[in-house]
Amino acid sequence: MAVAEAVINGSSEVLPGVFTDIVVEVGKIGNWLQALGLIVILWIVFQVIALIVNRKNRKRIKAMRARIQEMDKKLDKIIRQLNKNNIKKK
């Protein structure tokens, strides 16, 4: 009986150490997951900011494109008029 009690007592002393080691390892994994989550959240925030900035830039480019097209039409009209005038003078 003494041997059985020694084995049971010995195993009860070993098991808390094993559980402690498991809890420590799970805690380390938890810290890594928290760090990974923080990185993902920061990446999402960066992507949202980039989307907003790109959208503003696209609006500016679209407005510039419209103004350029208007200028192009006016220049074409002026060139046609100049060409008509040059043909009439000859």
N, C-alpha and C. Protein backbone atom coordinates (compact mmCIF):
# COMPACT_ATOMS: atom_id res chain seq x y z
N MET A 1 0.78 -1.18 0.00
CA MET A 1 0.00 0.00 0.00
C MET A 1 0.83 1.26 0.00
N ALA A 2 1.93 1.22 0.60
CA ALA A 2 2.81 2.37 0.66
C ALA A 2 3.34 2.73 -0.72
N VAL A 3 3.58 1.68 -1.51
CA VAL A 3 4.06 1.93 -2.86
C VAL A 3 2.97 2.59 -3.69
N ALA A 4 1.74 2.14 -3.55
CA ALA A 4 0.64 2.70 -4.30
C ALA A 4 0.39 4.15 -3.90
N GLU A 5 0.50 4.41 -2.59
CA GLU A 5 0.33 5.79 -2.13
C GLU A 5 1.46 6.68 -2.65
N ALA A 6 2.66 6.15 -2.70
CA ALA A 6 3.79 6.93 -3.21
C ALA A 6 3.61 7.25 -4.69
N VAL A 7 3.10 6.28 -5.46
CA VAL A 7 2.88 6.50 -6.89
C VAL A 7 1.79 7.53 -7.08
N ILE A 8 0.70 7.41 -6.31
CA ILE A 8 -0.42 8.37 -6.44
C ILE A 8 0.04 9.75 -6.02
N ASN A 9 0.74 9.85 -4.88
CA ASN A 9 1.23 11.15 -4.42
C ASN A 9 2.25 11.73 -5.41
N GLY A 10 3.10 10.89 -5.93
CA GLY A 10 4.10 11.36 -6.91
C GLY A 10 3.45 11.85 -8.18
N SER A 11 2.41 11.13 -8.63
CA SER A 11 1.75 11.54 -9.86
C SER A 11 0.96 12.83 -9.64
N SER A 12 0.43 13.04 -8.45
CA SER A 12 -0.32 14.26 -8.19
C SER A 12 0.62 15.46 -8.15
N GLU A 13 1.88 15.21 -7.79
CA GLU A 13 2.85 16.31 -7.80
C GLU A 13 3.31 16.61 -9.23
N VAL A 14 3.35 15.60 -10.08
CA VAL A 14 3.79 15.78 -11.46
C VAL A 14 2.69 16.44 -12.30
N LEU A 15 1.43 16.02 -12.08
CA LEU A 15 0.34 16.53 -12.89
C LEU A 15 0.17 18.05 -12.79
N PRO A 16 0.22 18.66 -11.61
CA PRO A 16 0.10 20.12 -11.59
C PRO A 16 1.22 20.80 -12.38
N GLY A 17 2.41 20.23 -12.38
CA GLY A 17 3.50 20.79 -13.18
C GLY A 17 3.21 20.69 -14.66
N VAL A 18 2.63 19.57 -15.09
CA VAL A 18 2.28 19.38 -16.49
C VAL A 18 1.17 20.36 -16.88
N PHE A 19 0.17 20.47 -16.03
CA PHE A 19 -0.91 21.42 -16.30
C PHE A 19 -0.40 22.85 -16.35
N THR A 20 0.52 23.17 -15.47
CA THR A 20 1.11 24.52 -15.47
C THR A 20 1.85 24.77 -16.77
N ASP A 21 2.61 23.76 -17.21
CA ASP A 21 3.33 23.91 -18.47
C ASP A 21 2.36 24.09 -19.65
N ILE A 22 1.27 23.33 -19.62
CA ILE A 22 0.28 23.44 -20.70
C ILE A 22 -0.36 24.83 -20.68
N VAL A 23 -0.70 25.31 -19.49
CA VAL A 23 -1.31 26.64 -19.38
C VAL A 23 -0.34 27.72 -19.85
N VAL A 24 0.93 27.57 -19.52
CA VAL A 24 1.93 28.55 -19.97
C VAL A 24 2.04 28.53 -21.50
N GLU A 25 2.06 27.35 -22.09
CA GLU A 25 2.15 27.25 -23.56
C GLU A 25 0.91 27.83 -24.23
N VAL A 26 -0.27 27.54 -23.65
CA VAL A 26 -1.51 28.10 -24.20
C VAL A 26 -1.49 29.62 -24.06
N GLY A 27 -0.95 30.12 -22.96
CA GLY A 27 -0.82 31.56 -22.76
C GLY A 27 0.08 32.19 -23.81
N LYS A 28 1.17 31.50 -24.16
CA LYS A 28 2.07 32.02 -25.20
C LYS A 28 1.36 32.06 -26.54
N ILE A 29 0.59 31.01 -26.83
CA ILE A 29 -0.18 30.99 -28.08
C ILE A 29 -1.20 32.11 -28.07
N GLY A 30 -1.82 32.34 -26.92
CA GLY A 30 -2.79 33.43 -26.80
C GLY A 30 -2.14 34.78 -27.07
N ASN A 31 -0.92 34.99 -26.57
CA ASN A 31 -0.22 36.25 -26.83
C ASN A 31 0.08 36.43 -28.31
N TRP A 32 0.48 35.33 -28.97
CA TRP A 32 0.74 35.40 -30.41
C TRP A 32 -0.54 35.72 -31.18
N LEU A 33 -1.65 35.12 -30.76
CA LEU A 33 -2.92 35.39 -31.43
C LEU A 33 -3.36 36.84 -31.22
N GLN A 34 -3.11 37.38 -30.03
CA GLN A 34 -3.43 38.78 -29.78
C GLN A 34 -2.59 39.68 -30.67
N ALA A 35 -1.32 39.39 -30.78
CA ALA A 35 -0.43 40.19 -31.64
C ALA A 35 -0.88 40.10 -33.09
N LEU A 36 -1.22 38.91 -33.53
CA LEU A 36 -1.70 38.72 -34.90
C LEU A 36 -3.00 39.49 -35.13
N GLY A 37 -3.90 39.44 -34.17
CA GLY A 37 -5.15 40.18 -34.26
C GLY A 37 -4.92 41.68 -34.35
N LEU A 38 -3.98 42.18 -33.57
CA LEU A 38 -3.65 43.60 -33.60
C LEU A 38 -3.10 44.00 -34.96
N ILE A 39 -2.25 43.15 -35.52
CA ILE A 39 -1.69 43.42 -36.85
C ILE A 39 -2.80 43.44 -37.90
N VAL A 40 -3.73 42.51 -37.81
CA VAL A 40 -4.84 42.46 -38.77
C VAL A 40 -5.71 43.71 -38.64
N ILE A 41 -5.99 44.13 -37.43
CA ILE A 41 -6.81 45.33 -37.22
C ILE A 41 -6.10 46.56 -37.77
N LEU A 42 -4.80 46.70 -37.51
CA LEU A 42 -4.05 47.83 -38.06
C LEU A 42 -4.03 47.80 -39.58
N TRP A 43 -3.91 46.62 -40.16
CA TRP A 43 -3.92 46.49 -41.63
C TRP A 43 -5.26 46.93 -42.19
N ILE A 44 -6.35 46.53 -41.53
CA ILE A 44 -7.69 46.92 -41.99
C ILE A 44 -7.86 48.43 -41.92
N VAL A 45 -7.40 49.03 -40.82
CA VAL A 45 -7.49 50.48 -40.68
C VAL A 45 -6.70 51.17 -41.79
N PHE A 46 -5.50 50.67 -42.06
CA PHE A 46 -4.67 51.25 -43.13
C PHE A 46 -5.37 51.12 -44.47
N GLN A 47 -6.00 50.00 -44.74
CA GLN A 47 -6.69 49.80 -46.01
C GLN A 47 -7.89 50.74 -46.15
N VAL A 48 -8.61 50.98 -45.07
CA VAL A 48 -9.75 51.90 -45.12
C VAL A 48 -9.25 53.32 -45.42
N ILE A 49 -8.17 53.73 -44.75
CA ILE A 49 -7.61 55.06 -45.00
C ILE A 49 -7.14 55.17 -46.45
N ALA A 50 -6.47 54.15 -46.94
CA ALA A 50 -6.00 54.17 -48.33
C ALA A 50 -7.18 54.23 -49.30
N LEU A 51 -8.25 53.53 -49.00
CA LEU A 51 -9.44 53.56 -49.85
C LEU A 51 -10.03 54.96 -49.91
N ILE A 52 -10.11 55.62 -48.77
CA ILE A 52 -10.66 56.98 -48.73
C ILE A 52 -9.78 57.94 -49.53
N VAL A 53 -8.47 57.86 -49.33
CA VAL A 53 -7.55 58.74 -50.05
C VAL A 53 -7.62 58.47 -51.55
N ASN A 54 -7.63 57.22 -51.94
CA ASN A 54 -7.72 56.88 -53.36
C ASN A 54 -9.02 57.35 -53.98
N ARG A 55 -10.09 57.28 -53.23
CA ARG A 55 -11.38 57.73 -53.75
C ARG A 55 -11.36 59.23 -54.02
N LYS A 56 -10.77 59.98 -53.09
CA LYS A 56 -10.65 61.43 -53.29
C LYS A 56 -9.79 61.72 -54.51
N ASN A 57 -8.70 61.00 -54.67
CA ASN A 57 -7.83 61.21 -55.83
C ASN A 57 -8.56 60.87 -57.13
N ARG A 58 -9.33 59.79 -57.12
CA ARG A 58 -10.08 59.42 -58.32
C ARG A 58 -11.10 60.49 -58.70
N LYS A 59 -11.74 61.10 -57.69
CA LYS A 59 -12.70 62.18 -57.97
C LYS A 59 -11.98 63.37 -58.60
N ARG A 60 -10.81 63.71 -58.06
CA ARG A 60 -10.05 64.82 -58.62
C ARG A 60 -9.64 64.53 -60.07
N ILE A 61 -9.19 63.33 -60.31
CA ILE A 61 -8.76 62.95 -61.67
C ILE A 61 -9.96 62.99 -62.62
N LYS A 62 -11.11 62.53 -62.16
CA LYS A 62 -12.30 62.54 -63.01
C LYS A 62 -12.69 63.98 -63.35
N ALA A 63 -12.62 64.87 -62.38
CA ALA A 63 -12.94 66.28 -62.63
C ALA A 63 -11.93 66.89 -63.60
N MET A 64 -10.67 66.58 -63.45
CA MET A 64 -9.64 67.08 -64.36
C MET A 64 -9.87 66.55 -65.76
N ARG A 65 -10.23 65.29 -65.88
CA ARG A 65 -10.49 64.69 -67.18
C ARG A 65 -11.64 65.41 -67.89
N ALA A 66 -12.69 65.73 -67.13
CA ALA A 66 -13.84 66.44 -67.72
C ALA A 66 -13.41 67.83 -68.20
N ARG A 67 -12.60 68.52 -67.39
CA ARG A 67 -12.13 69.85 -67.81
C ARG A 67 -11.24 69.77 -69.04
N ILE A 68 -10.41 68.76 -69.09
CA ILE A 68 -9.52 68.58 -70.25
C ILE A 68 -10.34 68.31 -71.50
N GLN A 69 -11.39 67.51 -71.39
CA GLN A 69 -12.24 67.23 -72.55
C GLN A 69 -12.93 68.50 -73.04
N GLU A 70 -13.38 69.34 -72.10
CA GLU A 70 -13.99 70.61 -72.49
C GLU A 70 -12.99 71.49 -73.23
N MET A 71 -11.77 71.57 -72.70
CA MET A 71 -10.74 72.36 -73.35
C MET A 71 -10.41 71.81 -74.73
N ASP A 72 -10.39 70.50 -74.85
CA ASP A 72 -10.09 69.87 -76.13
C ASP A 72 -11.15 70.21 -77.17
N LYS A 73 -12.41 70.18 -76.75
CA LYS A 73 -13.50 70.54 -77.67
C LYS A 73 -13.35 72.00 -78.12
N LYS A 74 -13.05 72.89 -77.18
CA LYS A 74 -12.89 74.30 -77.52
C LYS A 74 -11.71 74.50 -78.46
N LEU A 75 -10.62 73.81 -78.19
CA LEU A 75 -9.45 73.93 -79.06
C LEU A 75 -9.75 73.38 -80.46
N ASP A 76 -10.48 72.29 -80.53
CA ASP A 76 -10.86 71.74 -81.84
C ASP A 76 -11.70 72.74 -82.62
N LYS A 77 -12.61 73.40 -81.93
CA LYS A 77 -13.47 74.40 -82.57
C LYS A 77 -12.62 75.56 -83.09
N ILE A 78 -11.68 76.02 -82.28
CA ILE A 78 -10.80 77.11 -82.68
C ILE A 78 -9.95 76.71 -83.87
N ILE A 79 -9.41 75.51 -83.86
CA ILE A 79 -8.57 75.03 -84.97
C ILE A 79 -9.39 74.93 -86.25
N ARG A 80 -10.63 74.45 -86.16
CA ARG A 80 -11.49 74.36 -87.34
C ARG A 80 -11.76 75.75 -87.92
N GLN A 81 -12.01 76.70 -87.02
CA GLN A 81 -12.26 78.06 -87.48
C GLN A 81 -11.03 78.65 -88.15
N LEU A 82 -9.85 78.41 -87.58
CA LEU A 82 -8.61 78.91 -88.17
C LEU A 82 -8.36 78.27 -89.52
N ASN A 83 -8.64 76.97 -89.62
CA ASN A 83 -8.46 76.29 -90.90
C ASN A 83 -9.42 76.83 -91.96
N LYS A 84 -10.65 77.12 -91.60
CA LYS A 84 -11.63 77.69 -92.53
C LYS A 84 -11.16 79.07 -93.00
N ASN A 85 -10.66 79.86 -92.05
CA ASN A 85 -10.19 81.20 -92.40
C ASN A 85 -8.98 81.15 -93.32
N ASN A 86 -8.07 80.21 -93.09
CA ASN A 86 -6.89 80.08 -93.93
C ASN A 86 -7.26 79.61 -95.33
N ILE A 87 -8.24 78.77 -95.44
CA ILE A 87 -8.67 78.27 -96.76
C ILE A 87 -9.34 79.41 -97.53
N LYS A 88 -10.13 80.24 -96.87
CA LYS A 88 -10.83 81.36 -97.51
C LYS A 88 -9.83 82.40 -98.00
N LYS A 89 -8.74 82.62 -97.27
CA LYS A 89 -7.75 83.63 -97.63
C LYS A 89 -6.96 83.22 -98.87
N LYS A 90 -6.81 81.97 -99.10
CA LYS A 90 -6.00 81.50 -100.23
C LYS A 90 -6.78 81.60 -101.46
